[in-house]
Amino acid sequence: MNAPTAVTLLRILLVPFIVWATLEGAYDLAFGAVLAAGISDAVDGYLARRFNLKTDLGAHLDAIADKALLVSVYVTLGFMHVLPSWLVILVVSRDVLIVGAVVLARLLRKPLTMAPHMLSKINTVAQILLVVVVLGTLALGGEVTGAFRLGYAGVALLTVLSGAVYLATWLKHVTHARQEPDA
């Protein structure tokens, strides 16, 4: 296992701790852990590109780490009524639909590797930033109020747009890809 993959695995292992800290109201710990996870996402990508350490395992684990972190934190903050339920549903549904589309493409014998689009990367950064700001506000004893609506709207827009890009890519692939013969 190389260094970027190890960093990604550490990010995955942070997820249960972040959920626990958030549920326990230890927002300073949750904030620090989410911030560390966000930074580690950039670090593992940089290391993989800079030192030519890209692997299939690392790429798959990176996607799992992003989804595990974001879905877990959004669901937790939604459960606690910190984030609006409509935003949580939107973020989680997009990720479920992407994973479902990849699985369905395989079942149809039209396997598809969903490479992250730039818009998806921007969306992930926006989703992480919103969580960092929310947890940071809570850690400082502040309240998450209507002032966050602009952040919610930005994340919602990016989530819908990036989901639409993946949907278009998937539809084009499954309707135009040649079916592989039975083995």
Protein backbone atom coordinates (compact mmCIF):
# COMPACT_ATOMS: atom_id res chain seq x y z
CA MET A 1 0.00 0.00 0.00
CA ASN A 2 1.38 3.40 -0.96
CA ALA A 3 1.21 6.68 0.98
CA PRO A 4 -1.83 8.22 -0.81
CA THR A 5 -3.86 5.05 -0.25
CA ALA A 6 -2.87 5.01 3.43
CA VAL A 7 -4.02 8.63 3.79
CA THR A 8 -7.32 7.72 2.14
CA LEU A 9 -7.81 4.79 4.51
CA LEU A 10 -7.20 7.08 7.48
CA ARG A 11 -9.89 9.40 6.10
CA ILE A 12 -12.34 6.49 5.98
CA LEU A 13 -11.45 5.58 9.57
CA LEU A 14 -12.19 9.16 10.69
CA VAL A 15 -15.85 8.88 9.60
CA PRO A 16 -17.22 6.99 12.65
CA PHE A 17 -15.29 9.32 14.96
CA ILE A 18 -16.75 12.39 13.24
CA VAL A 19 -20.29 11.02 13.50
CA TRP A 20 -19.78 10.14 17.18
CA ALA A 21 -18.27 13.54 18.02
CA THR A 22 -21.09 15.35 16.23
CA LEU A 23 -23.81 13.34 17.95
CA GLU A 24 -22.13 13.89 21.33
CA GLY A 25 -21.99 17.64 20.76
CA ALA A 26 -18.19 17.63 20.71
CA TYR A 27 -18.28 20.02 17.77
CA ASP A 28 -14.68 21.13 18.21
CA LEU A 29 -13.51 17.53 17.74
CA ALA A 30 -15.89 16.96 14.83
CA PHE A 31 -14.78 20.24 13.24
CA GLY A 32 -11.09 19.33 13.55
CA ALA A 33 -11.64 15.83 12.19
CA VAL A 34 -13.70 17.04 9.21
CA LEU A 35 -11.11 19.71 8.49
CA ALA A 36 -8.37 17.05 8.66
CA ALA A 37 -10.41 14.79 6.35
CA GLY A 38 -10.89 17.61 3.85
CA ILE A 39 -7.20 18.46 3.86
CA SER A 40 -6.22 14.79 3.59
CA ASP A 41 -8.42 14.50 0.49
CA ALA A 42 -6.31 17.17 -1.19
CA VAL A 43 -3.06 15.69 0.14
CA ASP A 44 -3.65 12.14 -1.08
CA GLY A 45 -4.62 13.43 -4.54
CA TYR A 46 -1.54 15.63 -4.68
CA LEU A 47 0.77 12.80 -3.59
CA ALA A 48 -0.73 10.39 -6.11
CA ARG A 49 -0.33 12.86 -8.99
CA ARG A 50 3.01 14.39 -7.97
CA PHE A 51 4.81 11.11 -7.35
CA ASN A 52 2.93 9.02 -9.93
CA LEU A 53 1.38 6.83 -7.22
CA LYS A 54 -2.09 6.53 -8.74
CA THR A 55 -3.66 3.09 -8.33
CA ASP A 56 -7.08 1.62 -9.07
CA LEU A 57 -7.43 0.75 -5.38
CA GLY A 58 -6.60 4.29 -4.35
CA ALA A 59 -9.04 5.80 -6.84
CA HIS A 60 -11.87 3.54 -5.65
CA LEU A 61 -11.07 4.09 -1.97
CA ASP A 62 -10.96 7.86 -2.54
CA ALA A 63 -14.49 7.80 -3.96
CA ILE A 64 -15.67 5.61 -1.07
CA ALA A 65 -14.02 7.92 1.45
CA ASP A 66 -15.68 11.01 -0.03
CA LYS A 67 -19.11 9.38 -0.11
CA ALA A 68 -18.78 7.84 3.36
CA LEU A 69 -17.71 11.15 4.87
CA LEU A 70 -20.24 13.37 3.17
CA VAL A 71 -23.23 11.04 3.42
CA SER A 72 -22.50 10.27 7.08
CA VAL A 73 -22.00 13.88 8.11
CA TYR A 74 -24.96 15.21 6.14
CA VAL A 75 -27.27 12.51 7.52
CA THR A 76 -26.00 13.15 11.06
CA LEU A 77 -26.47 16.92 10.80
CA GLY A 78 -29.88 16.38 9.20
CA PHE A 79 -30.89 13.98 11.98
CA MET A 80 -29.88 16.64 14.49
CA HIS A 81 -31.94 19.27 12.57
CA VAL A 82 -28.83 21.35 11.95
CA LEU A 83 -29.04 21.03 8.15
CA PRO A 84 -32.37 21.21 6.33
CA SER A 85 -33.78 17.82 5.41
CA TRP A 86 -34.25 18.79 1.75
CA LEU A 87 -30.50 19.44 1.41
CA VAL A 88 -29.60 16.16 3.12
CA ILE A 89 -31.99 14.26 0.83
CA LEU A 90 -30.51 15.97 -2.24
CA VAL A 91 -26.88 15.24 -1.31
CA VAL A 92 -27.54 11.63 -0.32
CA SER A 93 -29.82 10.92 -3.30
CA ARG A 94 -27.21 12.13 -5.79
CA ASP A 95 -24.61 9.77 -4.35
CA VAL A 96 -27.04 6.84 -4.19
CA LEU A 97 -28.06 7.46 -7.81
CA ILE A 98 -24.43 7.57 -8.97
CA VAL A 99 -23.57 4.32 -7.20
CA GLY A 100 -26.81 2.74 -8.47
CA ALA A 101 -26.03 3.81 -12.04
CA VAL A 102 -22.58 2.21 -11.92
CA VAL A 103 -24.04 -1.03 -10.51
CA LEU A 104 -26.85 -1.05 -13.08
CA ALA A 105 -24.40 -0.50 -15.93
CA ARG A 106 -22.45 -3.56 -14.75
CA LEU A 107 -25.65 -5.62 -14.51
CA LEU A 108 -26.48 -4.58 -18.06
CA ARG A 109 -22.98 -5.74 -19.05
CA LYS A 110 -22.06 -2.22 -19.99
CA PRO A 111 -19.53 -1.50 -17.24
CA LEU A 112 -18.80 2.15 -16.72
CA THR A 113 -16.02 3.79 -14.84
CA MET A 114 -17.29 7.12 -13.57
CA ALA A 115 -14.28 9.40 -13.62
CA PRO A 116 -14.81 12.49 -11.49
CA HIS A 117 -15.72 15.55 -13.52
CA MET A 118 -14.35 18.96 -12.54
CA LEU A 119 -17.87 20.04 -11.55
CA SER A 120 -18.09 17.03 -9.24
CA LYS A 121 -14.79 17.96 -7.61
CA ILE A 122 -16.05 21.51 -7.07
CA ASN A 123 -19.27 20.07 -5.65
CA THR A 124 -17.34 17.87 -3.21
CA VAL A 125 -15.27 20.85 -2.05
CA ALA A 126 -18.43 22.94 -1.59
CA GLN A 127 -20.14 20.17 0.38
CA ILE A 128 -17.11 19.76 2.64
CA LEU A 129 -16.75 23.53 3.09
CA LEU A 130 -20.38 23.84 4.15
CA VAL A 131 -19.91 21.11 6.75
CA VAL A 132 -16.67 22.71 7.98
CA VAL A 133 -18.37 26.11 8.36
CA VAL A 134 -21.41 24.57 10.09
CA LEU A 135 -19.31 22.53 12.52
CA GLY A 136 -16.95 25.45 13.06
CA THR A 137 -19.91 27.69 13.91
CA LEU A 138 -21.22 25.10 16.36
CA ALA A 139 -17.74 24.60 17.86
CA LEU A 140 -17.56 28.34 18.56
CA GLY A 141 -20.96 28.25 20.27
CA GLY A 142 -22.79 29.90 17.40
CA GLU A 143 -26.07 28.91 15.87
CA VAL A 144 -26.73 27.68 12.37
CA THR A 145 -29.43 30.09 11.24
CA GLY A 146 -31.06 31.33 8.07
CA ALA A 147 -27.82 33.13 7.23
CA PHE A 148 -26.58 29.79 5.93
CA ARG A 149 -29.23 29.72 3.19
CA LEU A 150 -26.81 31.00 0.56
CA GLY A 151 -24.45 28.11 1.36
CA TYR A 152 -27.35 25.65 1.19
CA ALA A 153 -28.40 27.06 -2.18
CA GLY A 154 -24.85 26.88 -3.57
CA VAL A 155 -24.38 23.29 -2.47
CA ALA A 156 -27.83 22.36 -3.78
CA LEU A 157 -27.13 23.92 -7.18
CA LEU A 158 -23.73 22.23 -7.52
CA THR A 159 -25.20 18.90 -6.36
CA VAL A 160 -27.97 19.05 -8.97
CA LEU A 161 -25.64 20.16 -11.77
CA SER A 162 -22.98 17.55 -11.02
CA GLY A 163 -25.67 14.87 -10.72
CA ALA A 164 -27.04 15.93 -14.11
CA VAL A 165 -23.57 15.64 -15.68
CA TYR A 166 -23.20 12.10 -14.32
CA LEU A 167 -26.71 11.19 -15.44
CA ALA A 168 -26.05 12.45 -18.97
CA THR A 169 -22.74 10.56 -19.10
CA TRP A 170 -24.41 7.39 -17.84
CA LEU A 171 -27.37 7.63 -20.24
CA LYS A 172 -25.08 8.18 -23.21
CA HIS A 173 -22.98 5.20 -22.17
CA VAL A 174 -25.76 2.68 -21.53
CA THR A 175 -27.72 3.63 -24.64
CA HIS A 176 -24.69 3.62 -26.97
CA ALA A 177 -22.31 1.07 -25.47
CA ARG A 178 -21.99 -2.27 -27.19
CA GLN A 179 -23.21 -5.18 -25.13
CA GLU A 180 -20.47 -7.66 -24.30
CA PRO A 181 -21.13 -11.27 -25.34
CA ASP A 182 -21.97 -13.82 -22.67
CA ALA A 183 -18.93 -15.47 -21.16
